[in-house]
Amino acid sequence: MRVSPPEDLRIPFERFGPVKDVYLPKNYYTGEPRGFGFVKFRNPEDAAEAKHELNHCVIGGREIAIVFAEENRKTPREMRSTSQISGRHGGGSVTRRTPPRSSRRRSYSRSLSPARRDYS
């Protein structure tokens, strides 16, 4: 019997302390894994120890690189809206988090070549 992918991560990480959640995001439209995941510990000290011991080890045939998340994981609804913004939707309206490129201000720095300088 094959263990599910989230359990493939839970088992080695639980050696370091209680794990609250294991989440492996999938592409909303294809159902394919997105190539990263989240393991949430109850205690930050356990997470630090797990990172120290498991960073760059092989789990499930893949080398893992561990970084601490800078934000909480997104809800499925937030993930869908992110996918729509990136152009993977089938229609409907899209709300953007940043203004379109044409309305962004740009600054350019330009220096004249020595032949074009005016020394008057």
PDB file of N, CA and C in Angstrom:
ATOM      1  N   MET A   1       0.842  -1.192   0.000  1.00  0.00           N
ATOM      2  CA  MET A   1       0.000   0.000   0.000  1.00  0.00           C
ATOM      3  C   MET A   1       0.882   1.250   0.000  1.00  0.00           C
ATOM      4  N   ARG A   2       0.622   2.157  -0.900  1.00  0.00           N
ATOM      5  CA  ARG A   2       1.382   3.404  -1.053  1.00  0.00           C
ATOM      6  C   ARG A   2       0.845   4.456  -0.088  1.00  0.00           C
ATOM      7  N   VAL A   3       1.763   5.135   0.632  1.00  0.00           N
ATOM      8  CA  VAL A   3       1.377   6.208   1.548  1.00  0.00           C
ATOM      9  C   VAL A   3       1.156   7.475   0.724  1.00  0.00           C
ATOM     10  N   SER A   4       0.149   8.277   1.092  1.00  0.00           N
ATOM     11  CA  SER A   4      -0.146   9.498   0.342  1.00  0.00           C
ATOM     12  C   SER A   4       1.002  10.485   0.464  1.00  0.00           C
ATOM     13  N   PRO A   5       1.232  11.327  -0.547  1.00  0.00           N
ATOM     14  CA  PRO A   5       2.336  12.294  -0.502  1.00  0.00           C
ATOM     15  C   PRO A   5       2.377  13.178   0.754  1.00  0.00           C
ATOM     16  N   PRO A   6       1.250  13.723   1.259  1.00  0.00           N
ATOM     17  CA  PRO A   6       1.372  14.498   2.494  1.00  0.00           C
ATOM     18  C   PRO A   6       1.926  13.666   3.655  1.00  0.00           C
ATOM     19  N   GLU A   7       1.556  12.396   3.711  1.00  0.00           N
ATOM     20  CA  GLU A   7       2.072  11.522   4.771  1.00  0.00           C
ATOM     21  C   GLU A   7       3.551  11.226   4.555  1.00  0.00           C
ATOM     22  N   ASP A   8       3.999  11.232   3.283  1.00  0.00           N
ATOM     23  CA  ASP A   8       5.426  11.049   3.003  1.00  0.00           C
ATOM     24  C   ASP A   8       6.243  12.145   3.681  1.00  0.00           C
ATOM     25  N   LEU A   9       5.674  13.330   3.825  1.00  0.00           N
ATOM     26  CA  LEU A   9       6.365  14.424   4.516  1.00  0.00           C
ATOM     27  C   LEU A   9       6.102  14.410   6.017  1.00  0.00           C
ATOM     28  N   ARG A  10       4.883  14.127   6.396  1.00  0.00           N
ATOM     29  CA  ARG A  10       4.533  14.165   7.818  1.00  0.00           C
ATOM     30  C   ARG A  10       5.413  13.223   8.643  1.00  0.00           C
ATOM     31  N   ILE A  11       5.600  12.027   8.160  1.00  0.00           N
ATOM     32  CA  ILE A  11       6.322  11.004   8.930  1.00  0.00           C
ATOM     33  C   ILE A  11       7.743  11.447   9.284  1.00  0.00           C
ATOM     34  N   PRO A  12       8.582  11.865   8.324  1.00  0.00           N
ATOM     35  CA  PRO A  12       9.934  12.285   8.740  1.00  0.00           C
ATOM     36  C   PRO A  12       9.960  13.573   9.553  1.00  0.00           C
ATOM     37  N   PHE A  13       9.039  14.492   9.295  1.00  0.00           N
ATOM     38  CA  PHE A  13       9.034  15.750  10.037  1.00  0.00           C
ATOM     39  C   PHE A  13       8.547  15.571  11.467  1.00  0.00           C
ATOM     40  N   GLU A  14       7.661  14.616  11.712  1.00  0.00           N
ATOM     41  CA  GLU A  14       7.153  14.398  13.071  1.00  0.00           C
ATOM     42  C   GLU A  14       8.221  13.884  14.031  1.00  0.00           C
ATOM     43  N   ARG A  15       9.360  13.462  13.519  1.00  0.00           N
ATOM     44  CA  ARG A  15      10.464  13.058  14.414  1.00  0.00           C
ATOM     45  C   ARG A  15      10.934  14.241  15.255  1.00  0.00           C
ATOM     46  N   PHE A  16      10.658  15.455  14.792  1.00  0.00           N
ATOM     47  CA  PHE A  16      11.169  16.657  15.462  1.00  0.00           C
ATOM     48  C   PHE A  16      10.135  17.338  16.348  1.00  0.00           C
ATOM     49  N   GLY A  17       8.898  16.882  16.305  1.00  0.00           N
ATOM     50  CA  GLY A  17       7.863  17.460  17.146  1.00  0.00           C
ATOM     51  C   GLY A  17       6.504  17.372  16.478  1.00  0.00           C
ATOM     52  N   PRO A  18       5.462  17.774  17.213  1.00  0.00           N
ATOM     53  CA  PRO A  18       4.102  17.678  16.673  1.00  0.00           C
ATOM     54  C   PRO A  18       3.912  18.560  15.437  1.00  0.00           C
ATOM     55  N   VAL A  19       3.379  17.944  14.383  1.00  0.00           N
ATOM     56  CA  VAL A  19       3.097  18.650  13.134  1.00  0.00           C
ATOM     57  C   VAL A  19       1.620  18.996  13.116  1.00  0.00           C
ATOM     58  N   LYS A  20       1.334  20.269  12.887  1.00  0.00           N
ATOM     59  CA  LYS A  20      -0.046  20.746  12.843  1.00  0.00           C
ATOM     60  C   LYS A  20      -0.716  20.450  11.506  1.00  0.00           C
ATOM     61  N   ASP A  21       0.045  20.642  10.404  1.00  0.00           N
ATOM     62  CA  ASP A  21      -0.558  20.525   9.078  1.00  0.00           C
ATOM     63  C   ASP A  21       0.516  20.241   8.045  1.00  0.00           C
ATOM     64  N   VAL A  22       0.155  19.458   7.032  1.00  0.00           N
ATOM     65  CA  VAL A  22       0.995  19.245   5.851  1.00  0.00           C
ATOM     66  C   VAL A  22       0.115  19.553   4.652  1.00  0.00           C
ATOM     67  N   TYR A  23       0.598  20.444   3.791  1.00  0.00           N
ATOM     68  CA  TYR A  23      -0.200  20.862   2.633  1.00  0.00           C
ATOM     69  C   TYR A  23       0.681  20.884   1.399  1.00  0.00           C
ATOM     70  N   LEU A  24       0.260  20.156   0.376  1.00  0.00           N
ATOM     71  CA  LEU A  24       0.956  20.129  -0.903  1.00  0.00           C
ATOM     72  C   LEU A  24       0.023  20.724  -1.958  1.00  0.00           C
ATOM     73  N   PRO A  25       0.222  21.982  -2.331  1.00  0.00           N
ATOM     74  CA  PRO A  25      -0.683  22.616  -3.288  1.00  0.00           C
ATOM     75  C   PRO A  25      -0.650  21.943  -4.658  1.00  0.00           C
ATOM     76  N   LYS A  26      -1.803  21.951  -5.294  1.00  0.00           N
ATOM     77  CA  LYS A  26      -1.927  21.435  -6.658  1.00  0.00           C
ATOM     78  C   LYS A  26      -2.456  22.547  -7.539  1.00  0.00           C
ATOM     79  N   ASN A  27      -2.161  22.454  -8.811  1.00  0.00           N
ATOM     80  CA  ASN A  27      -2.713  23.394  -9.774  1.00  0.00           C
ATOM     81  C   ASN A  27      -4.228  23.218  -9.777  1.00  0.00           C
ATOM     82  N   TYR A  28      -4.944  24.302  -9.623  1.00  0.00           N
ATOM     83  CA  TYR A  28      -6.396  24.248  -9.509  1.00  0.00           C
ATOM     84  C   TYR A  28      -7.048  23.613 -10.739  1.00  0.00           C
ATOM     85  N   TYR A  29      -6.496  23.877 -11.907  1.00  0.00           N
ATOM     86  CA  TYR A  29      -7.125  23.438 -13.151  1.00  0.00           C
ATOM     87  C   TYR A  29      -6.684  22.045 -13.586  1.00  0.00           C
ATOM     88  N   THR A  30      -5.422  21.686 -13.356  1.00  0.00           N
ATOM     89  CA  THR A  30      -4.924  20.391 -13.825  1.00  0.00           C
ATOM     90  C   THR A  30      -4.860  19.333 -12.730  1.00  0.00           C
ATOM     91  N   GLY A  31      -4.832  19.762 -11.469  1.00  0.00           N
ATOM     92  CA  GLY A  31      -4.710  18.814 -10.366  1.00  0.00           C
ATOM     93  C   GLY A  31      -3.287  18.310 -10.164  1.00  0.00           C
ATOM     94  N   GLU A  32      -2.352  18.805 -10.978  1.00  0.00           N
ATOM     95  CA  GLU A  32      -0.953  18.397 -10.855  1.00  0.00           C
ATOM     96  C   GLU A  32      -0.299  19.089  -9.666  1.00  0.00           C
ATOM     97  N   PRO A  33       0.637  18.420  -8.991  1.00  0.00           N
ATOM     98  CA  PRO A  33       1.361  19.066  -7.885  1.00  0.00           C
ATOM     99  C   PRO A  33       2.141  20.276  -8.389  1.00  0.00           C
ATOM    100  N   ARG A  34       2.252  21.290  -7.547  1.00  0.00           N
ATOM    101  CA  ARG A  34       2.951  22.513  -7.936  1.00  0.00           C
ATOM    102  C   ARG A  34       4.434  22.474  -7.597  1.00  0.00           C
ATOM    103  N   GLY A  35       4.900  21.429  -6.934  1.00  0.00           N
ATOM    104  CA  GLY A  35       6.331  21.254  -6.693  1.00  0.00           C
ATOM    105  C   GLY A  35       6.846  21.828  -5.385  1.00  0.00           C
ATOM    106  N   PHE A  36       5.951  22.243  -4.510  1.00  0.00           N
ATOM    107  CA  PHE A  36       6.357  22.721  -3.195  1.00  0.00           C
ATOM    108  C   PHE A  36       5.269  22.374  -2.203  1.00  0.00           C
ATOM    109  N   GLY A  37       5.573  22.533  -0.923  1.00  0.00           N
ATOM    110  CA  GLY A  37       4.589  22.210   0.092  1.00  0.00           C
ATOM    111  C   GLY A  37       4.878  22.933   1.382  1.00  0.00           C
ATOM    112  N   PHE A  38       3.989  22.748   2.343  1.00  0.00           N
ATOM    113  CA  PHE A  38       4.102  23.402   3.637  1.00  0.00           C
ATOM    114  C   PHE A  38       3.967  22.356   4.732  1.00  0.00           C
ATOM    115  N   VAL A  39       4.855  22.430   5.709  1.00  0.00           N
ATOM    116  CA  VAL A  39       4.749  21.614   6.914  1.00  0.00           C
ATOM    117  C   VAL A  39       4.696  22.607   8.064  1.00  0.00           C
ATOM    118  N   LYS A  40       3.602  22.587   8.802  1.00  0.00           N
ATOM    119  CA  LYS A  40       3.435  23.534   9.908  1.00  0.00           C
ATOM    120  C   LYS A  40       3.567  22.794  11.232  1.00  0.00           C
ATOM    121  N   PHE A  41       4.517  23.256  12.032  1.00  0.00           N
ATOM    122  CA  PHE A  41       4.750  22.681  13.349  1.00  0.00           C
ATOM    123  C   PHE A  41       3.974  23.453  14.414  1.00  0.00           C
ATOM    124  N   ARG A  42       3.730  22.797  15.541  1.00  0.00           N
ATOM    125  CA  ARG A  42       3.118  23.483  16.679  1.00  0.00           C
ATOM    126  C   ARG A  42       4.125  24.401  17.358  1.00  0.00           C
ATOM    127  N   ASN A  43       5.408  24.015  17.368  1.00  0.00           N
ATOM    128  CA  ASN A  43       6.445  24.790  18.049  1.00  0.00           C
ATOM    129  C   ASN A  43       7.519  25.243  17.063  1.00  0.00           C
ATOM    130  N   PRO A  44       7.848  26.543  17.050  1.00  0.00           N
ATOM    131  CA  PRO A  44       8.874  27.051  16.137  1.00  0.00           C
ATOM    132  C   PRO A  44      10.245  26.395  16.333  1.00  0.00           C
ATOM    133  N   GLU A  45      10.565  26.009  17.562  1.00  0.00           N
ATOM    134  CA  GLU A  45      11.856  25.361  17.826  1.00  0.00           C
ATOM    135  C   GLU A  45      11.957  24.027  17.092  1.00  0.00           C
ATOM    136  N   ASP A  46      10.845  23.291  17.042  1.00  0.00           N
ATOM    137  CA  ASP A  46      10.823  22.019  16.325  1.00  0.00           C
ATOM    138  C   ASP A  46      11.027  22.247  14.828  1.00  0.00           C
ATOM    139  N   ALA A  47      10.426  23.296  14.314  1.00  0.00           N
ATOM    140  CA  ALA A  47      10.584  23.620  12.891  1.00  0.00           C
ATOM    141  C   ALA A  47      12.040  23.947  12.578  1.00  0.00           C
ATOM    142  N   ALA A  48      12.688  24.703  13.454  1.00  0.00           N
ATOM    143  CA  ALA A  48      14.091  25.067  13.240  1.00  0.00           C
ATOM    144  C   ALA A  48      14.981  23.825  13.252  1.00  0.00           C
ATOM    145  N   GLU A  49      14.718  22.916  14.172  1.00  0.00           N
ATOM    146  CA  GLU A  49      15.511  21.689  14.241  1.00  0.00           C
ATOM    147  C   GLU A  49      15.280  20.829  12.995  1.00  0.00           C
ATOM    148  N   ALA A  50      14.028  20.724  12.561  1.00  0.00           N
ATOM    149  CA  ALA A  50      13.721  19.943  11.358  1.00  0.00           C
ATOM    150  C   ALA A  50      14.417  20.540  10.139  1.00  0.00           C
ATOM    151  N   LYS A  51      14.410  21.855  10.041  1.00  0.00           N
ATOM    152  CA  LYS A  51      15.082  22.511   8.915  1.00  0.00           C
ATOM    153  C   LYS A  51      16.574  22.190   8.943  1.00  0.00           C
ATOM    154  N   HIS A  52      17.170  22.280  10.107  1.00  0.00           N
ATOM    155  CA  HIS A  52      18.605  22.013  10.247  1.00  0.00           C
ATOM    156  C   HIS A  52      18.947  20.570   9.843  1.00  0.00           C
ATOM    157  N   GLU A  53      18.113  19.624  10.254  1.00  0.00           N
ATOM    158  CA  GLU A  53      18.401  18.204  10.024  1.00  0.00           C
ATOM    159  C   GLU A  53      17.962  17.700   8.649  1.00  0.00           C
ATOM    160  N   LEU A  54      16.859  18.232   8.111  1.00  0.00           N
ATOM    161  CA  LEU A  54      16.293  17.660   6.882  1.00  0.00           C
ATOM    162  C   LEU A  54      16.564  18.458   5.614  1.00  0.00           C
ATOM    163  N   ASN A  55      17.097  19.673   5.729  1.00  0.00           N
ATOM    164  CA  ASN A  55      17.337  20.482   4.532  1.00  0.00           C
ATOM    165  C   ASN A  55      18.273  19.743   3.576  1.00  0.00           C
ATOM    166  N   HIS A  56      17.880  19.624   2.342  1.00  0.00           N
ATOM    167  CA  HIS A  56      18.615  18.971   1.247  1.00  0.00           C
ATOM    168  C   HIS A  56      18.675  17.446   1.372  1.00  0.00           C
ATOM    169  N   CYS A  57      17.802  16.859   2.192  1.00  0.00           N
ATOM    170  CA  CYS A  57      17.749  15.398   2.210  1.00  0.00           C
ATOM    171  C   CYS A  57      16.745  14.939   1.139  1.00  0.00           C
ATOM    172  N   VAL A  58      16.736  13.655   0.862  1.00  0.00           N
ATOM    173  CA  VAL A  58      15.844  13.106  -0.159  1.00  0.00           C
ATOM    174  C   VAL A  58      14.651  12.452   0.535  1.00  0.00           C
ATOM    175  N   ILE A  59      13.455  12.897   0.150  1.00  0.00           N
ATOM    176  CA  ILE A  59      12.207  12.318   0.662  1.00  0.00           C
ATOM    177  C   ILE A  59      11.341  11.996  -0.547  1.00  0.00           C
ATOM    178  N   GLY A  60      10.857  10.785  -0.629  1.00  0.00           N
ATOM    179  CA  GLY A  60      10.009  10.390  -1.746  1.00  0.00           C
ATOM    180  C   GLY A  60      10.713  10.485  -3.089  1.00  0.00           C
ATOM    181  N   GLY A  61      12.033  10.275  -3.083  1.00  0.00           N
ATOM    182  CA  GLY A  61      12.779  10.302  -4.330  1.00  0.00           C
ATOM    183  C   GLY A  61      13.167  11.696  -4.811  1.00  0.00           C
ATOM    184  N   ARG A  62      12.859  12.725  -4.004  1.00  0.00           N
ATOM    185  CA  ARG A  62      13.192  14.102  -4.404  1.00  0.00           C
ATOM    186  C   ARG A  62      13.970  14.787  -3.296  1.00  0.00           C
ATOM    187  N   GLU A  63      14.988  15.554  -3.694  1.00  0.00           N
ATOM    188  CA  GLU A  63      15.720  16.346  -2.707  1.00  0.00           C
ATOM    189  C   GLU A  63      14.850  17.526  -2.317  1.00  0.00           C
ATOM    190  N   ILE A  64      14.750  17.769  -1.018  1.00  0.00           N
ATOM    191  CA  ILE A  64      13.941  18.899  -0.556  1.00  0.00           C
ATOM    192  C   ILE A  64      14.847  20.035  -0.088  1.00  0.00           C
ATOM    193  N   ALA A  65      14.414  21.239  -0.344  1.00  0.00           N
ATOM    194  CA  ALA A  65      15.078  22.438   0.162  1.00  0.00           C
ATOM    195  C   ALA A  65      14.075  23.112   1.083  1.00  0.00           C
ATOM    196  N   ILE A  66      14.473  23.377   2.309  1.00  0.00           N
ATOM    197  CA  ILE A  66      13.554  23.911   3.311  1.00  0.00           C
ATOM    198  C   ILE A  66      13.828  25.386   3.533  1.00  0.00           C
ATOM    199  N   VAL A  67      12.782  26.182   3.417  1.00  0.00           N
ATOM    200  CA  VAL A  67      12.846  27.604   3.765  1.00  0.00           C
ATOM    201  C   VAL A  67      11.636  27.903   4.630  1.00  0.00           C
ATOM    202  N   PHE A  68      11.790  28.830   5.558  1.00  0.00           N
ATOM    203  CA  PHE A  68      10.652  29.217   6.374  1.00  0.00           C
ATOM    204  C   PHE A  68       9.740  30.106   5.557  1.00  0.00           C
ATOM    205  N   ALA A  69       8.442  29.862   5.623  1.00  0.00           N
ATOM    206  CA  ALA A  69       7.466  30.674   4.901  1.00  0.00           C
ATOM    207  C   ALA A  69       7.428  32.071   5.517  1.00  0.00           C
ATOM    208  N   GLU A  70       7.317  33.072   4.657  1.00  0.00           N
ATOM    209  CA  GLU A  70       7.249  34.450   5.142  1.00  0.00           C
ATOM    210  C   GLU A  70       5.821  34.876   5.446  1.00  0.00           C
ATOM    211  N   GLU A  71       4.845  34.140   4.923  1.00  0.00           N
ATOM    212  CA  GLU A  71       3.428  34.430   5.149  1.00  0.00           C
ATOM    213  C   GLU A  71       2.720  33.121   5.438  1.00  0.00           C
ATOM    214  N   ASN A  72       1.486  33.235   5.927  1.00  0.00           N
ATOM    215  CA  ASN A  72       0.668  32.036   6.073  1.00  0.00           C
ATOM    216  C   ASN A  72       0.265  31.554   4.690  1.00  0.00           C
ATOM    217  N   ARG A  73      -0.062  30.260   4.596  1.00  0.00           N
ATOM    218  CA  ARG A  73      -0.445  29.732   3.288  1.00  0.00           C
ATOM    219  C   ARG A  73      -1.748  30.361   2.825  1.00  0.00           C
ATOM    220  N   LYS A  74      -1.905  30.442   1.523  1.00  0.00           N
ATOM    221  CA  LYS A  74      -3.105  31.038   0.941  1.00  0.00           C
ATOM    222  C   LYS A  74      -4.260  30.044   0.991  1.00  0.00           C
ATOM    223  N   THR A  75      -5.462  30.584   1.068  1.00  0.00           N
ATOM    224  CA  THR A  75      -6.651  29.741   1.023  1.00  0.00           C
ATOM    225  C   THR A  75      -6.850  29.277  -0.418  1.00  0.00           C
ATOM    226  N   PRO A  76      -7.636  28.220  -0.636  1.00  0.00           N
ATOM    227  CA  PRO A  76      -7.909  27.794  -2.017  1.00  0.00           C
ATOM    228  C   PRO A  76      -8.481  28.933  -2.865  1.00  0.00           C
ATOM    229  N   ARG A  77      -9.317  29.782  -2.281  1.00  0.00           N
ATOM    230  CA  ARG A  77      -9.886  30.906  -3.032  1.00  0.00           C
ATOM    231  C   ARG A  77      -8.785  31.887  -3.468  1.00  0.00           C
ATOM    232  N   GLU A  78      -7.847  32.177  -2.570  1.00  0.00           N
ATOM    233  CA  GLU A  78      -6.730  33.063  -2.918  1.00  0.00           C
ATOM    234  C   GLU A  78      -5.861  32.441  -4.008  1.00  0.00           C
ATOM    235  N   MET A  79      -5.666  31.133  -3.950  1.00  0.00           N
ATOM    236  CA  MET A  79      -4.870  30.456  -4.975  1.00  0.00           C
ATOM    237  C   MET A  79      -5.553  30.544  -6.337  1.00  0.00           C
ATOM    238  N   ARG A  80      -6.896  30.393  -6.374  1.00  0.00           N
ATOM    239  CA  ARG A  80      -7.617  30.494  -7.647  1.00  0.00           C
ATOM    240  C   ARG A  80      -7.482  31.888  -8.222  1.00  0.00           C
ATOM    241  N   SER A  81      -7.595  32.916  -7.368  1.00  0.00           N
ATOM    242  CA  SER A  81      -7.498  34.282  -7.883  1.00  0.00           C
ATOM    243  C   SER A  81      -6.090  34.568  -8.375  1.00  0.00           C
ATOM    244  N   THR A  82      -5.062  33.992  -7.752  1.00  0.00           N
ATOM    245  CA  THR A  82      -3.692  34.151  -8.226  1.00  0.00           C
ATOM    246  C   THR A  82      -3.529  33.503  -9.590  1.00  0.00           C
ATOM    247  N   SER A  83      -4.126  32.315  -9.791  1.00  0.00           N
ATOM    248  CA  SER A  83      -4.046  31.638 -11.084  1.00  0.00           C
ATOM    249  C   SER A  83      -4.747  32.446 -12.156  1.00  0.00           C
ATOM    250  N   GLN A  84      -5.881  33.070 -11.824  1.00  0.00           N
ATOM    251  CA  GLN A  84      -6.606  33.874 -12.803  1.00  0.00           C
ATOM    252  C   GLN A  84      -5.799  35.089 -13.215  1.00  0.00           C
ATOM    253  N   ILE A  85      -5.128  35.711 -12.281  1.00  0.00           N
ATOM    254  CA  ILE A  85      -4.326  36.889 -12.591  1.00  0.00           C
ATOM    255  C   ILE A  85      -3.205  36.526 -13.547  1.00  0.00           C
ATOM    256  N   SER A  86      -2.652  35.318 -13.398  1.00  0.00           N
ATOM    257  CA  SER A  86      -1.540  34.932 -14.250  1.00  0.00           C
ATOM    258  C   SER A  86      -1.993  34.497 -15.640  1.00  0.00           C
ATOM    259  N   GLY A  87      -3.311  34.553 -15.913  1.00  0.00           N
ATOM    260  CA  GLY A  87      -3.793  34.278 -17.256  1.00  0.00           C
ATOM    261  C   GLY A  87      -4.211  32.851 -17.495  1.00  0.00           C
ATOM    262  N   ARG A  88      -4.396  32.065 -16.463  1.00  0.00           N
ATOM    263  CA  ARG A  88      -4.768  30.660 -16.636  1.00  0.00           C
ATOM    264  C   ARG A  88      -6.261  30.448 -16.465  1.00  0.00           C
ATOM    265  N   HIS A  89      -7.066  31.430 -16.706  1.00  0.00           N
ATOM    266  CA  HIS A  89      -8.506  31.274 -16.509  1.00  0.00           C
ATOM    267  C   HIS A  89      -9.195  31.118 -17.849  1.00  0.00           C
ATOM    268  N   GLY A  90     -10.418  30.670 -17.791  1.00  0.00           N
ATOM    269  CA  GLY A  90     -11.157  30.431 -19.012  1.00  0.00           C
ATOM    270  C   GLY A  90     -12.099  31.557 -19.369  1.00  0.00           C
ATOM    271  N   GLY A  91     -12.050  32.673 -18.715  1.00  0.00           N
ATOM    272  CA  GLY A  91     -12.940  33.783 -19.026  1.00  0.00           C
ATOM    273  C   GLY A  91     -13.370  34.476 -17.756  1.00  0.00           C
ATOM    274  N   GLY A  92     -14.216  35.461 -17.888  1.00  0.00           N
ATOM    275  CA  GLY A  92     -14.680  36.181 -16.712  1.00  0.00           C
ATOM    276  C   GLY A  92     -13.801  37.363 -16.407  1.00  0.00           C
ATOM    277  N   SER A  93     -14.151  38.060 -15.337  1.00  0.00           N
ATOM    278  CA  SER A  93     -13.376  39.250 -14.996  1.00  0.00           C
ATOM    279  C   SER A  93     -12.165  38.875 -14.159  1.00  0.00           C
ATOM    280  N   VAL A  94     -11.157  39.698 -14.220  1.00  0.00           N
ATOM    281  CA  VAL A  94      -9.927  39.483 -13.488  1.00  0.00           C
ATOM    282  C   VAL A  94      -9.635  40.722 -12.667  1.00  0.00           C
ATOM    283  N   THR A  95      -9.381  40.528 -11.404  1.00  0.00           N
ATOM    284  CA  THR A  95      -8.965  41.661 -10.580  1.00  0.00           C
ATOM    285  C   THR A  95      -7.469  41.578 -10.401  1.00  0.00           C
ATOM    286  N   ARG A  96      -6.798  42.687 -10.615  1.00  0.00           N
ATOM    287  CA  ARG A  96      -5.346  42.709 -10.529  1.00  0.00           C
ATOM    288  C   ARG A  96      -4.907  43.309  -9.210  1.00  0.00           C
ATOM    289  N   ARG A  97      -3.783  42.821  -8.719  1.00  0.00           N
ATOM    290  CA  ARG A  97      -3.205  43.382  -7.502  1.00  0.00           C
ATOM    291  C   ARG A  97      -2.299  44.560  -7.807  1.00  0.00           C
ATOM    292  N   THR A  98      -1.780  44.613  -9.010  1.00  0.00           N
ATOM    293  CA  THR A  98      -0.914  45.720  -9.404  1.00  0.00           C
ATOM    294  C   THR A  98      -1.501  46.367 -10.651  1.00  0.00           C
ATOM    295  N   PRO A  99      -1.226  47.657 -10.861  1.00  0.00           N
ATOM    296  CA  PRO A  99      -1.769  48.305 -12.045  1.00  0.00           C
ATOM    297  C   PRO A  99      -1.160  47.707 -13.309  1.00  0.00           C
ATOM    298  N   PRO A 100      -1.861  47.815 -14.434  1.00  0.00           N
ATOM    299  CA  PRO A 100      -1.296  47.305 -15.687  1.00  0.00           C
ATOM    300  C   PRO A 100       0.002  48.028 -16.010  1.00  0.00           C
ATOM    301  N   ARG A 101       0.849  47.392 -16.780  1.00  0.00           N
ATOM    302  CA  ARG A 101       2.160  47.943 -17.090  1.00  0.00           C
ATOM    303  C   ARG A 101       2.098  49.342 -17.689  1.00  0.00           C
ATOM    304  N   SER A 102       1.121  49.609 -18.525  1.00  0.00           N
ATOM    305  CA  SER A 102       1.080  50.899 -19.208  1.00  0.00           C
ATOM    306  C   SER A 102       0.871  52.070 -18.253  1.00  0.00           C
ATOM    307  N   SER A 103       0.298  51.814 -17.083  1.00  0.00           N
ATOM    308  CA  SER A 103       0.058  52.919 -16.161  1.00  0.00           C
ATOM    309  C   SER A 103       1.161  53.067 -15.112  1.00  0.00           C
ATOM    310  N   ARG A 104       2.124  52.174 -15.128  1.00  0.00           N
ATOM    311  CA  ARG A 104       3.221  52.286 -14.170  1.00  0.00           C
ATOM    312  C   ARG A 104       4.161  53.402 -14.596  1.00  0.00           C
ATOM    313  N   ARG A 105       4.662  54.118 -13.608  1.00  0.00           N
ATOM    314  CA  ARG A 105       5.650  55.154 -13.908  1.00  0.00           C
ATOM    315  C   ARG A 105       7.007  54.500 -14.074  1.00  0.00           C
ATOM    316  N   ARG A 106       7.727  54.970 -15.034  1.00  0.00           N
ATOM    317  CA  ARG A 106       9.077  54.456 -15.258  1.00  0.00           C
ATOM    318  C   ARG A 106      10.049  55.610 -15.161  1.00  0.00           C
ATOM    319  N   SER A 107      11.210  55.329 -14.633  1.00  0.00           N
ATOM    320  CA  SER A 107      12.242  56.351 -14.610  1.00  0.00           C
ATOM    321  C   SER A 107      13.436  55.826 -15.382  1.00  0.00           C
ATOM    322  N   TYR A 108      14.006  56.676 -16.141  1.00  0.00           N
ATOM    323  CA  TYR A 108      15.157  56.310 -16.939  1.00  0.00           C
ATOM    324  C   TYR A 108      16.314  57.212 -16.565  1.00  0.00           C
ATOM    325  N   SER A 109      17.481  56.648 -16.519  1.00  0.00           N
ATOM    326  CA  SER A 109      18.680  57.418 -16.268  1.00  0.00           C
ATOM    327  C   SER A 109      19.516  57.352 -17.536  1.00  0.00           C
ATOM    328  N   ARG A 110      19.968  58.482 -17.991  1.00  0.00           N
ATOM    329  CA  ARG A 110      20.707  58.493 -19.250  1.00  0.00           C
ATOM    330  C   ARG A 110      21.847  59.488 -19.151  1.00  0.00           C
ATOM    331  N   SER A 111      22.996  59.079 -19.566  1.00  0.00           N
ATOM    332  CA  SER A 111      24.111  60.014 -19.600  1.00  0.00           C
ATOM    333  C   SER A 111      24.563  60.172 -21.044  1.00  0.00           C
ATOM    334  N   LEU A 112      25.023  61.348 -21.369  1.00  0.00           N
ATOM    335  CA  LEU A 112      25.489  61.619 -22.730  1.00  0.00           C
ATOM    336  C   LEU A 112      26.883  61.044 -22.911  1.00  0.00           C
ATOM    337  N   SER A 113      27.171  60.609 -24.131  1.00  0.00           N
ATOM    338  CA  SER A 113      28.517  60.155 -24.409  1.00  0.00           C
ATOM    339  C   SER A 113      29.440  61.366 -24.458  1.00  0.00           C
ATOM    340  N   PRO A 114      30.723  61.213 -24.226  1.00  0.00           N
ATOM    341  CA  PRO A 114      31.634  62.365 -24.200  1.00  0.00           C
ATOM    342  C   PRO A 114      31.562  63.223 -25.461  1.00  0.00           C
ATOM    343  N   ALA A 115      31.321  62.632 -26.625  1.00  0.00           N
ATOM    344  CA  ALA A 115      31.275  63.398 -27.883  1.00  0.00           C
ATOM    345  C   ALA A 115      30.070  64.333 -27.927  1.00  0.00           C
ATOM    346  N   ARG A 116      29.008  64.064 -27.177  1.00  0.00           N
ATOM    347  CA  ARG A 116      27.783  64.858 -27.265  1.00  0.00           C
ATOM    348  C   ARG A 116      27.649  65.868 -26.134  1.00  0.00           C
ATOM    349  N   ARG A 117      28.556  65.892 -25.208  1.00  0.00           N
ATOM    350  CA  ARG A 117      28.437  66.811 -24.086  1.00  0.00           C
ATOM    351  C   ARG A 117      28.665  68.242 -24.537  1.00  0.00           C
ATOM    352  N   ASP A 118      27.972  69.157 -23.931  1.00  0.00           N
ATOM    353  CA  ASP A 118      28.113  70.571 -24.250  1.00  0.00           C
ATOM    354  C   ASP A 118      28.953  71.207 -23.153  1.00  0.00           C
ATOM    355  N   TYR A 119      30.133  71.710 -23.499  1.00  0.00           N
ATOM    356  CA  TYR A 119      31.052  72.287 -22.534  1.00  0.00           C
ATOM    357  C   TYR A 119      31.042  73.790 -22.573  1.00  0.00           C
ATOM    358  N   SER A 120      29.952  74.434 -22.933  1.00  0.00           N
ATOM    359  CA  SER A 120      29.955  75.892 -23.041  1.00  0.00           C
ATOM    360  C   SER A 120      29.847  76.593 -21.730  1.00  0.00           C
TER     361      SER A 120
END
